[in-house]
Every structure is written in structure tokens, then in C-alpha cells.
Amino acid sequence: MQTKPYLTLADVKTIAAAAEAEALRNNWAVTISIVDDGGHLLWLQRLDGAPPVSSHISPAKAHTAALGRRESKIYEDLINNGRTSFLSAPVIEGMLEGGVPVIVDGHVIGAVGVSGVKSNEDAQIAKAGIAALGA
């Protein structure tokens, strides 16, 4: 039987703090979501001024990145490049840039989703959070 790493509560808090710091450093009002490898919500943080809808989009982006085992931007690009049938994919809703998987030792152990500013800025915040793990 194989073993794999997993996100602990301490890991989640580390990611969340670093993501929040990146957002605040840039004056970006966003919602930050962190999920486990099955897309189950472990953390949701809506910063002051973040749009209400971001509290729905952020966890959807994280869920998509965790289950797809890749950044959610890949799905957005597929659709924008004409593969609109991908919109019918089951269970995946957050097909916008800003969902980034957390990968440790080749294993996707979760994902971070951010929503509230431009999609590339959302991804920047998510990646800053993940980088704090040092993995």
C-alpha cells in the first residue's frame, strides 16, 4: 500500500495567511478557499470588500483544480479555444483562472481557489499561499 502526504490544519492556516498577505499587499478584496484532494472545503475566508459572489466562485475554482489535478485556467482556455462542450463536464463548475492545485511529492493534496479580482491576480494570490508551504 502506498502512502501520500495530506493537508493538515496547520498547512491550511499557513496557505491562508500567505494568500491573505499577498491580497492585502496589493489591496485586493478577495475570497480565498482551500480544499482537500477530493475538493472538500477546508477553509473559506472572505476579505473585507470582496464581492459576495466570490464566496461561491472561489471554492468552485479550488474544487475544479483539486479534482482535475491541474490549474482551473486550463479549462477556461479549452472553452475559450472553442471546446464549449466541456461546459457540460459533470461536477466541475469553477472553470475560470484562479484555482491552483497543491502538489507535494507528485501528489495533488488539495487546491486553493481565489476570486474577487482579475483572474491572473486571483491565481497570483493562490500561488503565493501555496509557496508558503515550501513544498
N, C-alpha and C. Protein backbone atom coordinates (compact mmCIF):
# COMPACT_ATOMS: atom_id res chain seq x y z
N MET A 1 0.84 -1.18 0.00
CA MET A 1 0.00 0.00 0.00
C MET A 1 0.89 1.25 0.00
N GLN A 2 0.50 2.23 -0.78
CA GLN A 2 1.25 3.48 -0.85
C GLN A 2 0.73 4.48 0.17
N THR A 3 1.56 5.40 0.52
CA THR A 3 1.13 6.50 1.39
C THR A 3 1.32 7.80 0.63
N LYS A 4 0.63 8.83 1.06
CA LYS A 4 0.77 10.13 0.43
C LYS A 4 0.60 11.22 1.47
N PRO A 5 1.17 12.37 1.21
CA PRO A 5 1.00 13.49 2.14
C PRO A 5 -0.43 14.02 2.08
N TYR A 6 -0.81 14.78 3.08
CA TYR A 6 -2.13 15.41 3.09
C TYR A 6 -2.04 16.77 3.78
N LEU A 7 -3.01 17.61 3.55
CA LEU A 7 -3.05 18.93 4.17
C LEU A 7 -3.50 18.82 5.61
N THR A 8 -2.71 19.37 6.52
CA THR A 8 -3.11 19.45 7.92
C THR A 8 -3.75 20.82 8.15
N LEU A 9 -4.36 21.00 9.29
CA LEU A 9 -4.93 22.30 9.61
C LEU A 9 -3.84 23.36 9.66
N ALA A 10 -2.67 22.99 10.18
CA ALA A 10 -1.55 23.94 10.22
C ALA A 10 -1.14 24.35 8.81
N ASP A 11 -1.12 23.40 7.87
CA ASP A 11 -0.81 23.70 6.47
C ASP A 11 -1.83 24.67 5.89
N VAL A 12 -3.08 24.39 6.15
CA VAL A 12 -4.16 25.23 5.63
C VAL A 12 -4.03 26.66 6.16
N LYS A 13 -3.73 26.79 7.44
CA LYS A 13 -3.56 28.12 8.04
C LYS A 13 -2.35 28.84 7.44
N THR A 14 -1.29 28.11 7.16
CA THR A 14 -0.10 28.70 6.53
C THR A 14 -0.43 29.22 5.14
N ILE A 15 -1.12 28.41 4.34
CA ILE A 15 -1.52 28.82 2.99
C ILE A 15 -2.43 30.04 3.06
N ALA A 16 -3.42 29.98 3.94
CA ALA A 16 -4.39 31.07 4.05
C ALA A 16 -3.72 32.38 4.46
N ALA A 17 -2.81 32.31 5.41
CA ALA A 17 -2.14 33.53 5.88
C ALA A 17 -1.29 34.15 4.78
N ALA A 18 -0.58 33.32 4.03
CA ALA A 18 0.26 33.84 2.94
C ALA A 18 -0.59 34.39 1.80
N ALA A 19 -1.68 33.72 1.50
CA ALA A 19 -2.58 34.21 0.45
C ALA A 19 -3.21 35.54 0.86
N GLU A 20 -3.64 35.60 2.11
CA GLU A 20 -4.22 36.86 2.61
C GLU A 20 -3.19 37.98 2.55
N ALA A 21 -1.96 37.70 2.96
CA ALA A 21 -0.91 38.72 2.94
C ALA A 21 -0.68 39.24 1.51
N GLU A 22 -0.66 38.32 0.53
CA GLU A 22 -0.48 38.73 -0.86
C GLU A 22 -1.64 39.61 -1.32
N ALA A 23 -2.85 39.24 -0.96
CA ALA A 23 -4.02 40.04 -1.34
C ALA A 23 -3.97 41.43 -0.69
N LEU A 24 -3.66 41.47 0.59
CA LEU A 24 -3.62 42.75 1.30
C LEU A 24 -2.49 43.64 0.79
N ARG A 25 -1.35 43.03 0.48
CA ARG A 25 -0.20 43.78 -0.05
C ARG A 25 -0.58 44.53 -1.33
N ASN A 26 -1.51 43.95 -2.08
CA ASN A 26 -1.94 44.55 -3.35
C ASN A 26 -3.28 45.27 -3.26
N ASN A 27 -3.83 45.35 -2.06
CA ASN A 27 -5.15 45.98 -1.86
C ASN A 27 -6.23 45.30 -2.67
N TRP A 28 -6.21 43.96 -2.69
CA TRP A 28 -7.19 43.19 -3.43
C TRP A 28 -8.17 42.55 -2.47
N ALA A 29 -9.45 42.84 -2.64
CA ALA A 29 -10.51 42.27 -1.82
C ALA A 29 -11.00 40.98 -2.48
N VAL A 30 -10.65 39.85 -1.89
CA VAL A 30 -10.94 38.55 -2.49
C VAL A 30 -11.48 37.57 -1.45
N THR A 31 -11.97 36.46 -1.98
CA THR A 31 -12.30 35.31 -1.15
C THR A 31 -11.28 34.22 -1.47
N ILE A 32 -10.78 33.60 -0.40
CA ILE A 32 -9.76 32.55 -0.50
C ILE A 32 -10.37 31.25 -0.01
N SER A 33 -10.28 30.21 -0.82
CA SER A 33 -10.78 28.89 -0.45
C SER A 33 -9.68 27.86 -0.56
N ILE A 34 -9.68 26.92 0.37
CA ILE A 34 -8.73 25.82 0.33
C ILE A 34 -9.52 24.53 0.49
N VAL A 35 -9.22 23.56 -0.37
CA VAL A 35 -9.92 22.27 -0.34
C VAL A 35 -8.90 21.14 -0.23
N ASP A 36 -9.38 19.96 0.16
CA ASP A 36 -8.51 18.78 0.18
C ASP A 36 -8.47 18.16 -1.20
N ASP A 37 -7.83 17.00 -1.32
CA ASP A 37 -7.66 16.37 -2.63
C ASP A 37 -8.96 15.89 -3.26
N GLY A 38 -10.01 15.79 -2.47
CA GLY A 38 -11.32 15.41 -3.01
C GLY A 38 -12.21 16.60 -3.28
N GLY A 39 -11.66 17.81 -3.10
CA GLY A 39 -12.43 19.02 -3.36
C GLY A 39 -13.30 19.47 -2.21
N HIS A 40 -13.12 18.87 -1.02
CA HIS A 40 -13.93 19.22 0.14
C HIS A 40 -13.36 20.46 0.82
N LEU A 41 -14.23 21.40 1.11
CA LEU A 41 -13.82 22.69 1.65
C LEU A 41 -13.20 22.56 3.04
N LEU A 42 -11.99 23.10 3.18
CA LEU A 42 -11.30 23.13 4.47
C LEU A 42 -11.23 24.55 5.03
N TRP A 43 -11.28 25.54 4.13
CA TRP A 43 -11.11 26.93 4.56
C TRP A 43 -11.81 27.85 3.57
N LEU A 44 -12.52 28.84 4.09
CA LEU A 44 -13.11 29.89 3.27
C LEU A 44 -12.95 31.18 4.03
N GLN A 45 -12.34 32.17 3.38
CA GLN A 45 -12.09 33.46 4.00
C GLN A 45 -12.43 34.56 3.02
N ARG A 46 -13.42 35.35 3.37
CA ARG A 46 -13.82 36.47 2.51
C ARG A 46 -13.30 37.75 3.13
N LEU A 47 -12.36 38.39 2.44
CA LEU A 47 -11.77 39.62 2.95
C LEU A 47 -12.78 40.76 2.84
N ASP A 48 -12.61 41.76 3.68
CA ASP A 48 -13.49 42.92 3.66
C ASP A 48 -13.54 43.52 2.26
N GLY A 49 -14.75 43.75 1.78
CA GLY A 49 -14.94 44.36 0.48
C GLY A 49 -15.00 43.39 -0.69
N ALA A 50 -14.76 42.12 -0.43
CA ALA A 50 -14.82 41.13 -1.52
C ALA A 50 -16.26 40.98 -2.00
N PRO A 51 -16.46 40.85 -3.30
CA PRO A 51 -17.82 40.70 -3.82
C PRO A 51 -18.50 39.45 -3.25
N PRO A 52 -19.78 39.54 -2.92
CA PRO A 52 -20.48 38.38 -2.38
C PRO A 52 -20.39 37.13 -3.26
N VAL A 53 -20.46 37.31 -4.58
CA VAL A 53 -20.41 36.16 -5.48
C VAL A 53 -19.08 35.43 -5.39
N SER A 54 -18.02 36.12 -4.95
CA SER A 54 -16.71 35.48 -4.85
C SER A 54 -16.70 34.34 -3.83
N SER A 55 -17.63 34.37 -2.89
CA SER A 55 -17.71 33.29 -1.90
C SER A 55 -18.28 32.01 -2.51
N HIS A 56 -18.82 32.10 -3.71
CA HIS A 56 -19.27 30.92 -4.44
C HIS A 56 -18.25 30.51 -5.51
N ILE A 57 -17.65 31.51 -6.16
CA ILE A 57 -16.70 31.23 -7.24
C ILE A 57 -15.39 30.67 -6.70
N SER A 58 -14.90 31.21 -5.62
CA SER A 58 -13.61 30.78 -5.06
C SER A 58 -13.57 29.28 -4.72
N PRO A 59 -14.54 28.76 -3.96
CA PRO A 59 -14.49 27.32 -3.69
C PRO A 59 -14.71 26.46 -4.93
N ALA A 60 -15.46 26.99 -5.90
CA ALA A 60 -15.66 26.23 -7.15
C ALA A 60 -14.35 26.11 -7.91
N LYS A 61 -13.56 27.18 -7.95
CA LYS A 61 -12.25 27.13 -8.60
C LYS A 61 -11.34 26.12 -7.91
N ALA A 62 -11.33 26.15 -6.58
CA ALA A 62 -10.48 25.22 -5.82
C ALA A 62 -10.92 23.78 -6.07
N HIS A 63 -12.21 23.54 -6.07
CA HIS A 63 -12.76 22.21 -6.30
C HIS A 63 -12.34 21.69 -7.67
N THR A 64 -12.45 22.54 -8.68
CA THR A 64 -12.07 22.17 -10.04
C THR A 64 -10.58 21.82 -10.12
N ALA A 65 -9.73 22.63 -9.49
CA ALA A 65 -8.29 22.37 -9.52
C ALA A 65 -7.93 21.08 -8.78
N ALA A 66 -8.62 20.80 -7.69
CA ALA A 66 -8.32 19.58 -6.92
C ALA A 66 -8.75 18.34 -7.70
N LEU A 67 -9.96 18.34 -8.21
CA LEU A 67 -10.45 17.15 -8.92
C LEU A 67 -9.78 16.97 -10.27
N GLY A 68 -9.49 18.07 -10.94
CA GLY A 68 -8.85 18.00 -12.26
C GLY A 68 -7.36 17.79 -12.18
N ARG A 69 -6.79 18.01 -10.98
CA ARG A 69 -5.35 17.83 -10.78
C ARG A 69 -4.52 18.76 -11.65
N ARG A 70 -5.08 19.95 -11.94
CA ARG A 70 -4.39 20.96 -12.74
C ARG A 70 -5.05 22.30 -12.48
N GLU A 71 -4.39 23.36 -12.91
CA GLU A 71 -4.95 24.69 -12.69
C GLU A 71 -6.27 24.84 -13.44
N SER A 72 -7.19 25.54 -12.83
CA SER A 72 -8.51 25.74 -13.44
C SER A 72 -8.42 26.53 -14.75
N LYS A 73 -7.35 27.31 -14.92
CA LYS A 73 -7.16 28.08 -16.15
C LYS A 73 -7.14 27.18 -17.38
N ILE A 74 -6.68 25.96 -17.23
CA ILE A 74 -6.63 25.04 -18.37
C ILE A 74 -8.03 24.83 -18.95
N TYR A 75 -9.01 24.71 -18.09
CA TYR A 75 -10.39 24.51 -18.55
C TYR A 75 -10.93 25.78 -19.21
N GLU A 76 -10.61 26.92 -18.62
CA GLU A 76 -11.03 28.19 -19.23
C GLU A 76 -10.45 28.31 -20.63
N ASP A 77 -9.17 27.97 -20.77
CA ASP A 77 -8.52 28.05 -22.08
C ASP A 77 -9.15 27.09 -23.09
N LEU A 78 -9.47 25.87 -22.64
CA LEU A 78 -10.13 24.91 -23.53
C LEU A 78 -11.43 25.48 -24.09
N ILE A 79 -12.22 26.05 -23.21
CA ILE A 79 -13.52 26.60 -23.60
C ILE A 79 -13.34 27.81 -24.51
N ASN A 80 -12.42 28.70 -24.12
CA ASN A 80 -12.18 29.90 -24.94
C ASN A 80 -11.63 29.56 -26.32
N ASN A 81 -10.98 28.41 -26.43
CA ASN A 81 -10.44 27.99 -27.72
C ASN A 81 -11.43 27.14 -28.52
N GLY A 82 -12.70 27.16 -28.11
CA GLY A 82 -13.74 26.53 -28.90
C GLY A 82 -14.27 25.21 -28.40
N ARG A 83 -13.70 24.65 -27.38
CA ARG A 83 -14.21 23.37 -26.88
C ARG A 83 -15.34 23.61 -25.87
N THR A 84 -16.40 24.22 -26.35
CA THR A 84 -17.52 24.61 -25.49
C THR A 84 -18.27 23.41 -24.92
N SER A 85 -18.12 22.25 -25.53
CA SER A 85 -18.78 21.06 -24.99
C SER A 85 -18.25 20.73 -23.59
N PHE A 86 -17.08 21.25 -23.25
CA PHE A 86 -16.53 20.99 -21.92
C PHE A 86 -17.38 21.63 -20.83
N LEU A 87 -18.22 22.58 -21.19
CA LEU A 87 -19.12 23.20 -20.22
C LEU A 87 -20.09 22.18 -19.63
N SER A 88 -20.28 21.05 -20.30
CA SER A 88 -21.19 20.02 -19.80
C SER A 88 -20.50 19.00 -18.91
N ALA A 89 -19.21 19.19 -18.63
CA ALA A 89 -18.48 18.25 -17.76
C ALA A 89 -19.14 18.18 -16.39
N PRO A 90 -19.40 16.97 -15.89
CA PRO A 90 -20.07 16.84 -14.60
C PRO A 90 -19.18 17.27 -13.44
N VAL A 91 -19.79 17.84 -12.43
CA VAL A 91 -19.19 18.18 -11.14
C VAL A 91 -18.23 19.37 -11.19
N ILE A 92 -17.77 19.77 -12.35
CA ILE A 92 -16.81 20.86 -12.45
C ILE A 92 -17.54 22.15 -12.83
N GLU A 93 -17.44 23.15 -11.95
CA GLU A 93 -18.14 24.40 -12.20
C GLU A 93 -17.20 25.60 -12.28
N GLY A 94 -16.09 25.57 -11.56
CA GLY A 94 -15.20 26.72 -11.50
C GLY A 94 -14.15 26.71 -12.58
N MET A 95 -14.58 26.85 -13.82
CA MET A 95 -13.65 26.76 -14.94
C MET A 95 -13.13 28.13 -15.35
N LEU A 96 -12.60 28.84 -14.36
CA LEU A 96 -12.01 30.15 -14.56
C LEU A 96 -10.63 30.14 -13.90
N GLU A 97 -9.71 30.93 -14.41
CA GLU A 97 -8.38 31.00 -13.80
C GLU A 97 -8.49 31.45 -12.34
N GLY A 98 -7.66 30.87 -11.50
CA GLY A 98 -7.65 31.23 -10.08
C GLY A 98 -7.74 30.04 -9.16
N GLY A 99 -7.84 28.83 -9.72
CA GLY A 99 -7.79 27.60 -8.94
C GLY A 99 -6.47 26.91 -9.21
N VAL A 100 -5.70 26.64 -8.14
CA VAL A 100 -4.35 26.09 -8.30
C VAL A 100 -4.20 24.87 -7.39
N PRO A 101 -3.77 23.74 -7.94
CA PRO A 101 -3.59 22.55 -7.10
C PRO A 101 -2.37 22.70 -6.18
N VAL A 102 -2.44 22.06 -5.03
CA VAL A 102 -1.31 21.96 -4.12
C VAL A 102 -0.67 20.60 -4.38
N ILE A 103 0.57 20.61 -4.84
CA ILE A 103 1.25 19.37 -5.23
C ILE A 103 2.46 19.17 -4.33
N VAL A 104 2.52 18.01 -3.67
CA VAL A 104 3.64 17.66 -2.80
C VAL A 104 4.11 16.26 -3.19
N ASP A 105 5.38 16.15 -3.49
CA ASP A 105 5.98 14.86 -3.89
C ASP A 105 5.20 14.19 -5.02
N GLY A 106 4.71 15.00 -5.95
CA GLY A 106 3.98 14.47 -7.10
C GLY A 106 2.52 14.14 -6.83
N HIS A 107 2.07 14.37 -5.60
CA HIS A 107 0.67 14.10 -5.24
C HIS A 107 -0.10 15.41 -5.13
N VAL A 108 -1.28 15.46 -5.75
CA VAL A 108 -2.17 16.60 -5.53
C VAL A 108 -2.86 16.34 -4.20
N ILE A 109 -2.59 17.22 -3.23
CA ILE A 109 -3.14 17.02 -1.88
C ILE A 109 -4.24 18.02 -1.56
N GLY A 110 -4.57 18.87 -2.51
CA GLY A 110 -5.61 19.86 -2.32
C GLY A 110 -5.48 20.94 -3.37
N ALA A 111 -6.16 22.05 -3.12
CA ALA A 111 -6.10 23.17 -4.06
C ALA A 111 -6.54 24.45 -3.36
N VAL A 112 -6.11 25.56 -3.95
CA VAL A 112 -6.50 26.88 -3.47
C VAL A 112 -7.27 27.57 -4.60
N GLY A 113 -8.39 28.17 -4.25
CA GLY A 113 -9.16 28.94 -5.20
C GLY A 113 -9.33 30.35 -4.69
N VAL A 114 -9.17 31.32 -5.56
CA VAL A 114 -9.32 32.73 -5.18
C VAL A 114 -10.21 33.41 -6.20
N SER A 115 -11.06 34.32 -5.71
CA SER A 115 -11.94 35.08 -6.58
C SER A 115 -12.15 36.47 -6.01
N GLY A 116 -12.22 37.45 -6.92
CA GLY A 116 -12.53 38.80 -6.48
C GLY A 116 -11.85 39.88 -7.29
N VAL A 117 -10.73 39.53 -7.94
CA VAL A 117 -10.03 40.49 -8.79
C VAL A 117 -9.84 39.85 -10.17
N LYS A 118 -8.95 40.37 -10.98
CA LYS A 118 -8.70 39.76 -12.29
C LYS A 118 -8.23 38.34 -12.09
N SER A 119 -8.57 37.46 -13.00
CA SER A 119 -8.26 36.04 -12.84
C SER A 119 -6.78 35.76 -12.65
N ASN A 120 -5.92 36.47 -13.39
CA ASN A 120 -4.48 36.23 -13.21
C ASN A 120 -4.02 36.69 -11.83
N GLU A 121 -4.67 37.70 -11.27
CA GLU A 121 -4.35 38.16 -9.92
C GLU A 121 -4.86 37.16 -8.88
N ASP A 122 -6.03 36.58 -9.15
CA ASP A 122 -6.55 35.51 -8.28
C ASP A 122 -5.52 34.38 -8.21
N ALA A 123 -5.01 33.97 -9.37
CA ALA A 123 -4.02 32.89 -9.42
C ALA A 123 -2.74 33.28 -8.70
N GLN A 124 -2.34 34.53 -8.82
CA GLN A 124 -1.14 35.02 -8.13
C GLN A 124 -1.28 34.85 -6.62
N ILE A 125 -2.44 35.18 -6.10
CA ILE A 125 -2.70 35.04 -4.66
C ILE A 125 -2.66 33.57 -4.26
N ALA A 126 -3.31 32.72 -5.04
CA ALA A 126 -3.33 31.29 -4.73
C ALA A 126 -1.92 30.72 -4.71
N LYS A 127 -1.12 31.09 -5.70
CA LYS A 127 0.26 30.58 -5.79
C LYS A 127 1.12 31.10 -4.64
N ALA A 128 0.89 32.32 -4.20
CA ALA A 128 1.64 32.86 -3.06
C ALA A 128 1.32 32.06 -1.80
N GLY A 129 0.05 31.68 -1.65
CA GLY A 129 -0.33 30.87 -0.50
C GLY A 129 0.34 29.52 -0.52
N ILE A 130 0.32 28.88 -1.68
CA ILE A 130 0.91 27.54 -1.82
C ILE A 130 2.42 27.60 -1.61
N ALA A 131 3.06 28.65 -2.10
CA ALA A 131 4.51 28.79 -1.96
C ALA A 131 4.93 28.83 -0.50
N ALA A 132 4.07 29.30 0.37
CA ALA A 132 4.40 29.38 1.80
C ALA A 132 4.62 28.02 2.43
N LEU A 133 4.10 26.96 1.79
CA LEU A 133 4.32 25.60 2.30
C LEU A 133 5.77 25.16 2.09
N GLY A 134 6.43 25.77 1.10
CA GLY A 134 7.79 25.38 0.79
C GLY A 134 7.92 24.01 0.18
N ALA A 135 6.82 23.51 -0.38
CA ALA A 135 6.81 22.17 -0.97
C ALA A 135 7.22 22.18 -2.41
